[in-house]
């Protein structure tokens, strides 16, 4: 039996029962009695490979329903059944609901079966293309992150620190497509490879820049955005990065008319976590850094700032340990910079241990050597 699910939506329970009888041997069929229950099914019971809706339904007709489905489940293949097929209906269904097929009622079982088979094939094609694109995309992202970690440990360290906070804020705010925010945070500092290392050290230690350095630094979000915006599926990530320094009141860069909620949510989140990281780098404790952010009216989205404060207060408490490279595990956080035995900075304080970091440390340990033990913060609830 086919494993992908198909949803039929109609306002007539007898019609829905008929679809179940006709198709249950060859397909996994769910039904919903009307548009609103249909949307509820899509959000709670999906994903559905194919969604078939009647046109004439009270309250929310088929075109309205499938238009909403297009927004909340864009990968689902959408079809319409109607006893009133005409050219205008077909045009509207295709334009508003991006409908794959329009079928006339009553529809013979053989015709309906073939249409559903075609819909499932289309869905599988969509998912295969998405999987290929995502694999290519993640490969590109990993290469960019590895380049940043090799060329500039300070920039990579800052990106790692803010990614952890951005991820937790996204969970508090229930940010949709949170992978875009996390990717933007991880790649937010890639434009800094154009900056002199002396300037970067000032930035990452909360020290002021001279006018020439500041002029170059203000361009780094746009450099990163320009690098990323032409990579498929990273358009939103590029936009988030471009807005990482813009204030909630609309001041700052980019110098456009956007302000408040019109600034991308990801950009508003990056603005908060980047400034928070800068204050911590200058020597402030977390609570003091939060208080300092609150003294800057108009700079931050209040909801994002409240979410950061919630993250800080609910975050697990840590204990300090000294461990070897072999003892490092995910969820540990570096409590000091890590250096090679030839006094080259490898990884900065505050980074969360990951597979990439462990691999990098092992590679250097086998060549030039790494100073051990490594001081880390371990969550008190962890058994490590």
Protein backbone atom coordinates (compact mmCIF):
# COMPACT_ATOMS: atom_id res chain seq x y z
CA UNK A 1 0.00 0.00 0.00
CA UNK A 2 1.15 3.54 -0.75
CA UNK A 3 2.57 5.20 2.38
CA UNK A 4 2.08 8.88 1.42
CA UNK A 5 -1.16 10.32 2.76
CA UNK A 6 -3.96 11.90 0.72
CA UNK A 7 -6.55 14.29 2.17
CA UNK A 8 -10.05 14.73 0.71
CA UNK A 9 -12.02 17.82 1.80
CA UNK A 10 -15.77 18.14 1.15
CA UNK A 11 -18.82 19.46 3.02
CA UNK A 12 -20.77 16.23 2.31
CA UNK A 13 -19.98 13.34 4.68
CA UNK A 14 -21.54 10.81 2.29
CA UNK A 15 -19.25 11.90 -0.53
CA UNK A 16 -16.20 11.57 1.74
CA UNK A 17 -17.32 8.09 2.82
CA UNK A 18 -17.62 7.17 -0.87
CA UNK A 19 -14.00 8.22 -1.52
CA UNK A 20 -12.89 6.07 1.41
CA UNK A 21 -14.69 3.02 -0.02
CA UNK A 22 -13.43 3.56 -3.58
CA UNK A 23 -9.80 4.24 -2.77
CA UNK A 24 -8.88 2.64 0.56
CA UNK A 25 -7.32 -0.46 -1.06
CA UNK A 26 -4.75 1.52 -3.02
CA UNK A 27 -4.21 4.72 -1.03
CA UNK A 28 -3.90 6.06 2.51
CA UNK A 29 -6.97 8.34 2.65
CA UNK A 30 -7.91 10.91 5.31
CA UNK A 31 -11.00 13.12 5.11
CA UNK A 32 -12.13 16.46 6.49
CA UNK A 33 -15.67 17.86 6.54
CA UNK A 34 -15.17 21.42 5.22
CA UNK A 35 -12.44 24.01 4.81
CA UNK A 36 -11.61 24.86 8.43
CA UNK A 37 -11.41 21.19 9.54
CA UNK A 38 -9.32 20.63 6.41
CA UNK A 39 -6.79 23.27 7.44
CA UNK A 40 -6.70 21.79 10.92
CA UNK A 41 -5.97 18.35 9.44
CA UNK A 42 -3.16 19.77 7.31
CA UNK A 43 -1.45 21.46 10.27
CA UNK A 44 -2.01 18.68 12.82
CA UNK A 45 -1.94 15.46 10.79
CA UNK A 46 0.23 16.33 7.77
CA UNK A 47 2.27 16.23 5.72
CA UNK A 48 -0.09 15.18 2.93
CA UNK A 49 1.29 14.28 -0.47
CA UNK A 50 -1.97 15.18 -2.24
CA UNK A 51 -4.88 17.34 -1.06
CA UNK A 52 -8.16 17.16 -2.99
CA UNK A 53 -10.90 19.72 -2.31
CA UNK A 54 -14.45 20.21 -3.51
CA UNK A 55 -15.09 23.65 -5.05
CA UNK A 56 -18.50 24.50 -3.59
CA UNK A 57 -18.31 24.50 0.21
CA UNK A 58 -20.02 26.87 2.68
CA UNK A 59 -17.87 29.35 4.59
CA UNK A 60 -14.65 28.63 2.74
CA UNK A 61 -14.81 27.45 -0.85
CA UNK A 62 -12.27 25.15 -2.49
CA UNK A 63 -10.22 27.92 -4.06
CA UNK A 64 -9.90 29.77 -0.74
CA UNK A 65 -9.03 26.52 1.03
CA UNK A 66 -6.35 25.49 -1.47
CA UNK A 67 -4.90 29.01 -1.43
CA UNK A 68 -4.42 28.67 2.33
CA UNK A 69 -2.98 25.18 1.87
CA UNK A 70 -0.48 26.63 -0.59
CA UNK A 71 0.81 28.89 2.19
CA UNK A 72 1.00 26.36 5.03
CA UNK A 73 1.90 23.20 3.06
CA UNK A 74 3.49 24.36 -0.20
CA UNK A 75 4.91 20.93 -1.07
CA UNK A 76 1.49 19.22 -1.08
CA UNK A 77 0.06 18.65 -4.56
CA UNK A 78 -3.34 20.32 -4.78
CA UNK A 79 -6.36 19.11 -6.80
CA UNK A 80 -9.96 20.29 -7.13
CA UNK A 81 -13.21 18.44 -7.72
CA UNK A 82 -16.15 20.41 -9.10
CA UNK A 83 -19.48 19.88 -10.79
CA UNK A 84 -19.34 23.43 -12.17
CA UNK A 85 -16.17 23.40 -14.26
CA UNK A 86 -15.73 26.49 -16.40
CA UNK A 87 -12.82 28.48 -17.77
CA UNK A 88 -12.98 31.21 -15.12
CA UNK A 89 -13.01 28.65 -12.29
CA UNK A 90 -10.02 26.87 -13.81
CA UNK A 91 -8.04 30.10 -14.18
CA UNK A 92 -8.79 31.18 -10.62
CA UNK A 93 -7.93 27.75 -9.19
CA UNK A 94 -4.60 27.64 -10.99
CA UNK A 95 -3.64 31.25 -10.18
CA UNK A 96 -4.70 31.32 -6.52
CA UNK A 97 -4.30 27.72 -5.44
CA UNK A 98 -1.64 26.55 -7.90
CA UNK A 99 -3.88 23.55 -8.59
CA UNK A 100 -2.28 20.52 -10.25
CA UNK A 101 -5.50 18.99 -11.61
CA UNK A 102 -9.18 19.97 -11.88
CA UNK A 103 -11.58 17.01 -12.00
CA UNK A 104 -15.31 17.08 -12.73
CA UNK A 105 -17.92 15.44 -10.49
CA UNK A 106 -19.01 12.74 -10.55
CA UNK A 107 -15.54 11.33 -11.19
CA UNK A 108 -15.10 7.71 -12.20
CA UNK A 109 -12.88 5.68 -9.88
CA UNK A 110 -10.44 4.85 -12.68
CA UNK A 111 -9.98 8.53 -13.61
CA UNK A 112 -9.63 9.55 -9.97
CA UNK A 113 -7.10 6.77 -9.34
CA UNK A 114 -4.97 7.86 -12.30
CA UNK A 115 -5.11 11.50 -11.17
CA UNK A 116 -4.05 10.59 -7.63
CA UNK A 117 -1.22 8.47 -9.02
CA UNK A 118 -0.02 11.44 -11.08
CA UNK A 119 -0.29 13.66 -8.00
CA UNK A 120 1.82 11.26 -5.94
CA UNK A 121 4.44 11.13 -8.70
CA UNK A 122 4.55 14.93 -8.75
CA UNK A 123 4.94 15.02 -4.95
CA UNK A 124 7.81 12.52 -5.08
CA UNK A 125 9.51 14.60 -7.74
CA UNK A 126 9.15 17.74 -5.59
CA UNK A 127 10.59 15.97 -2.55
CA UNK A 128 13.48 14.43 -4.53
CA UNK A 129 14.42 17.84 -5.93
CA UNK A 130 14.19 19.37 -2.46
CA UNK A 131 16.40 16.64 -0.96
CA UNK A 132 19.01 17.13 -3.69
CA UNK A 133 18.91 20.91 -3.26
CA UNK A 134 19.18 20.68 0.53
CA UNK A 135 22.12 18.29 0.32
CA UNK A 136 23.87 20.68 -2.07
CA UNK A 137 22.90 23.63 0.12
CA UNK A 138 24.16 22.06 3.34
CA UNK A 139 27.38 21.11 1.59
CA UNK A 140 27.88 24.74 0.52
CA UNK A 141 27.14 25.98 4.04
CA UNK A 142 29.61 23.53 5.61
CA UNK A 143 32.34 24.65 3.20
CA UNK A 144 31.71 28.32 4.02
CA UNK A 145 31.80 27.63 7.77
CA UNK A 146 35.00 25.61 7.46
CA UNK A 147 36.63 28.42 5.47
CA UNK A 148 35.63 30.92 8.17
CA UNK A 149 36.96 28.70 10.96
CA UNK A 150 40.31 28.33 9.21
CA UNK A 151 40.76 31.93 8.07
CA UNK A 152 39.45 33.63 11.17
CA UNK A 153 38.96 31.74 14.45
CA UNK A 154 37.69 34.91 16.16
CA UNK A 155 34.91 35.42 13.60
CA UNK A 156 34.02 31.74 13.69
CA UNK A 157 33.93 31.84 17.48
CA UNK A 158 31.56 34.77 17.56
CA UNK A 159 29.29 33.14 14.99
CA UNK A 160 29.18 29.94 17.05
CA UNK A 161 28.30 31.80 20.24
CA UNK A 162 25.47 33.84 18.75
CA UNK A 163 24.09 30.78 16.93
CA UNK A 164 23.47 29.09 20.26
CA UNK A 165 21.50 32.07 21.57
CA UNK A 166 19.64 32.57 18.28
CA UNK A 167 18.59 28.91 18.28
CA UNK A 168 17.21 29.15 21.82
CA UNK A 169 15.39 32.45 21.12
CA UNK A 170 13.83 30.86 18.04
CA UNK A 171 12.49 28.05 20.23
CA UNK A 172 11.00 30.53 22.73
CA UNK A 173 9.35 32.61 19.97
CA UNK A 174 8.38 29.53 17.90
CA UNK A 175 10.06 31.00 14.82
CA UNK A 176 8.97 29.23 11.60
CA UNK A 177 11.73 27.95 9.31
CA UNK A 178 14.19 28.33 12.20
CA UNK A 179 16.94 26.71 10.11
CA UNK A 180 17.16 29.96 8.14
CA UNK A 181 17.86 31.96 11.30
CA UNK A 182 20.40 29.42 12.55
CA UNK A 183 22.16 29.39 9.18
CA UNK A 184 22.17 33.20 9.08
CA UNK A 185 23.70 33.34 12.56
CA UNK A 186 26.38 30.82 11.61
CA UNK A 187 27.26 32.74 8.43
CA UNK A 188 26.72 36.25 9.82
CA UNK A 189 30.43 36.94 10.27
CA UNK A 190 31.69 35.58 6.95
CA UNK A 191 31.98 39.12 5.56
CA UNK A 192 34.53 39.80 8.30
CA UNK A 193 37.22 37.88 6.39
CA UNK A 194 37.77 41.22 4.61
CA UNK A 195 38.74 42.93 7.89
CA UNK A 196 42.26 43.13 9.35
CA UNK A 197 42.76 40.73 12.27
CA UNK A 198 43.65 43.62 14.55
CA UNK A 199 40.23 45.17 13.96
CA UNK A 200 38.48 41.86 14.53
CA UNK A 201 40.25 41.36 17.84
CA UNK A 202 39.01 44.77 18.96
CA UNK A 203 35.43 43.92 17.96
CA UNK A 204 35.41 40.52 19.64
CA UNK A 205 36.85 41.96 22.84
CA UNK A 206 34.39 44.85 23.00
CA UNK A 207 36.97 47.51 22.18
CA UNK A 208 36.24 50.63 20.06
CA UNK A 209 37.31 50.83 16.41
CA UNK A 210 38.96 53.82 14.76
CA UNK A 211 36.97 55.58 11.99
CA UNK A 212 38.69 53.70 9.13
CA UNK A 213 38.11 50.32 10.77
CA UNK A 214 34.49 51.17 11.55
CA UNK A 215 33.86 52.14 7.93
CA UNK A 216 35.07 48.73 6.74
CA UNK A 217 33.23 46.89 9.52
CA UNK A 218 29.86 48.45 8.65
CA UNK A 219 30.13 46.83 5.21
CA UNK A 220 30.60 43.25 6.40
CA UNK A 221 26.87 42.35 6.52
CA UNK A 222 26.46 43.46 2.90
CA UNK A 223 29.57 41.57 1.80
CA UNK A 224 28.16 38.38 3.34
CA UNK A 225 24.68 39.03 1.96
CA UNK A 226 26.04 39.55 -1.55
CA UNK A 227 28.03 36.30 -1.31
CA UNK A 228 24.95 34.30 -0.30
CA UNK A 229 21.95 35.80 -2.07
CA UNK A 230 22.55 33.97 -5.35
CA UNK A 231 22.75 30.53 -3.71
CA UNK A 232 19.37 28.75 -4.11
CA UNK A 233 17.26 28.76 -0.90
CA UNK A 234 19.64 31.17 0.86
CA UNK A 235 17.85 34.32 -0.30
CA UNK A 236 16.09 34.74 3.07
CA UNK A 237 19.32 33.93 4.93
CA UNK A 238 21.10 36.65 2.94
CA UNK A 239 18.37 39.17 3.81
CA UNK A 240 18.58 38.32 7.53
CA UNK A 241 22.34 38.86 7.46
CA UNK A 242 21.97 42.19 5.68
CA UNK A 243 19.73 43.45 8.53
CA UNK A 244 21.81 42.14 11.45
CA UNK A 245 22.86 45.62 12.65
CA UNK A 246 19.67 47.59 11.97
CA UNK A 247 17.88 48.97 15.02
CA UNK A 248 14.20 48.37 15.72
CA UNK A 249 13.40 52.07 15.29
CA UNK A 250 14.73 51.94 11.71
CA UNK A 251 18.05 53.68 12.30
CA UNK A 252 21.30 52.08 11.20
CA UNK A 253 22.09 49.94 8.18
CA UNK A 254 20.67 49.19 5.68
CA UNK A 255 19.54 52.80 5.32
CA UNK A 256 16.00 52.18 4.08
CA UNK A 257 12.44 52.79 5.28
CA UNK A 258 12.02 49.53 7.19
CA UNK A 259 11.42 49.72 10.90
CA UNK A 260 9.77 47.70 13.66
CA UNK A 261 8.13 44.46 12.55
CA UNK A 262 8.93 45.25 8.90
CA UNK A 263 12.56 44.40 9.62
CA UNK A 264 13.03 40.62 9.09
CA UNK A 265 12.55 38.78 12.40
CA UNK A 266 15.86 37.00 11.89
CA UNK A 267 17.62 40.35 11.55
CA UNK A 268 15.98 41.61 14.75
CA UNK A 269 17.16 38.50 16.59
CA UNK A 270 20.73 38.80 15.28
CA UNK A 271 20.86 42.45 16.35
CA UNK A 272 20.05 41.49 19.94
CA UNK A 273 22.39 38.50 20.22
CA UNK A 274 25.30 40.27 18.51
CA UNK A 275 25.10 43.26 20.85
CA UNK A 276 24.69 40.90 23.81
CA UNK A 277 27.83 39.03 22.73
CA UNK A 278 29.78 42.29 22.36
CA UNK A 279 28.82 43.36 25.88
CA UNK A 280 29.86 39.99 27.30
CA UNK A 281 33.16 40.23 25.39
CA UNK A 282 33.78 43.60 27.08
CA UNK A 283 33.65 41.85 30.46
CA UNK A 284 30.01 42.17 31.55
CA UNK A 285 28.20 39.24 33.15
CA UNK A 286 25.04 38.02 31.44
CA UNK A 287 22.62 39.82 33.78
CA UNK A 288 24.56 43.09 33.49
CA UNK A 289 24.64 42.76 29.69
CA UNK A 290 20.85 42.32 29.62
CA UNK A 291 20.42 45.44 31.78
CA UNK A 292 22.67 47.41 29.41
CA UNK A 293 20.59 46.33 26.40
CA UNK A 294 17.45 47.55 28.19
CA UNK A 295 19.01 51.02 28.51
CA UNK A 296 18.96 51.45 24.72
CA UNK A 297 15.40 52.52 23.80
CA UNK A 298 14.42 51.91 20.20
CA UNK A 299 17.33 49.60 19.44
CA UNK A 300 15.70 46.20 19.90
CA UNK A 301 12.44 44.36 19.34
CA UNK A 302 10.97 44.10 22.90
CA UNK A 303 9.70 40.56 22.25
CA UNK A 304 13.15 39.39 21.15
CA UNK A 305 14.85 41.07 24.11
CA UNK A 306 12.35 39.41 26.48
CA UNK A 307 13.04 36.06 24.83
CA UNK A 308 16.79 36.48 25.32
CA UNK A 309 16.23 37.30 28.98
CA UNK A 310 14.06 34.19 29.32
CA UNK A 311 16.78 32.09 27.68
CA UNK A 312 19.41 33.45 30.06
CA UNK A 313 17.31 32.72 33.14
CA UNK A 314 16.13 29.26 32.12
CA UNK A 315 19.46 28.17 30.64
CA UNK A 316 21.03 25.25 32.47
CA UNK A 317 23.60 26.16 35.10
CA UNK A 318 27.15 25.00 34.41
CA UNK A 319 30.10 23.67 36.32
CA UNK A 320 33.73 24.16 35.25
CA UNK A 321 35.82 21.13 34.29
CA UNK A 322 39.20 20.54 32.66
CA UNK A 323 39.14 17.78 30.06
CA UNK A 324 41.24 16.28 27.29
CA UNK A 325 40.31 16.54 23.61
CA UNK A 326 39.06 12.94 23.73
CA UNK A 327 36.67 13.82 26.57
CA UNK A 328 34.97 16.68 24.72
CA UNK A 329 31.28 16.08 23.94
CA UNK A 330 28.40 18.12 22.53
CA UNK A 331 26.70 20.60 24.94
CA UNK A 332 30.00 21.53 26.58
CA UNK A 333 31.02 25.18 26.17
CA UNK A 334 34.60 26.39 26.06
CA UNK A 335 35.47 28.44 29.14
CA UNK A 336 38.80 29.60 27.73
CA UNK A 337 40.49 30.08 24.37
CA UNK A 338 42.16 27.00 22.88
CA UNK A 339 45.71 27.38 21.54
CA UNK A 340 48.15 25.21 19.63
CA UNK A 341 51.51 24.40 21.19
CA UNK A 342 52.99 26.95 18.79
CA UNK A 343 50.72 29.66 20.29
CA UNK A 344 48.22 29.94 17.43
CA UNK A 345 44.64 30.67 18.46
CA UNK A 346 42.38 27.81 17.34
CA UNK A 347 39.00 28.34 19.00
CA UNK A 348 37.69 31.16 21.14
CA UNK A 349 36.04 31.07 24.54
CA UNK A 350 32.26 30.67 24.53
CA UNK A 351 31.95 28.28 21.59
CA UNK A 352 29.75 25.24 21.97
CA UNK A 353 31.48 21.94 21.27
CA UNK A 354 30.40 20.33 17.99
CA UNK A 355 31.58 17.56 15.68
CA UNK A 356 33.38 20.14 13.52
CA UNK A 357 35.26 21.57 16.51
CA UNK A 358 36.27 18.13 17.81
CA UNK A 359 37.53 17.13 14.37
CA UNK A 360 39.54 20.32 14.05
CA UNK A 361 41.13 19.91 17.48
CA UNK A 362 42.08 16.29 16.76
CA UNK A 363 43.65 17.27 13.44
CA UNK A 364 45.81 19.95 15.09
CA UNK A 365 46.65 17.66 18.02
CA UNK A 366 48.06 15.12 15.57
CA UNK A 367 50.20 17.72 13.78
CA UNK A 368 51.43 20.78 15.72
CA UNK A 369 49.83 19.81 19.03
CA UNK A 370 47.13 21.44 21.18
CA UNK A 371 47.56 22.76 24.71
CA UNK A 372 45.66 20.55 27.16
CA UNK A 373 43.70 20.23 29.39
CA UNK A 374 40.88 22.27 27.94
CA UNK A 375 38.64 24.18 30.33
CA UNK A 376 34.92 23.78 29.61
CA UNK A 377 31.52 24.49 31.10
CA UNK A 378 29.40 21.37 31.60
CA UNK A 379 25.63 21.56 32.28
CA UNK A 380 24.91 20.48 35.84
CA UNK A 381 22.25 18.03 34.59
CA UNK A 382 24.79 16.37 32.27
CA UNK A 383 26.24 13.03 33.21
CA UNK A 384 29.49 13.73 31.35
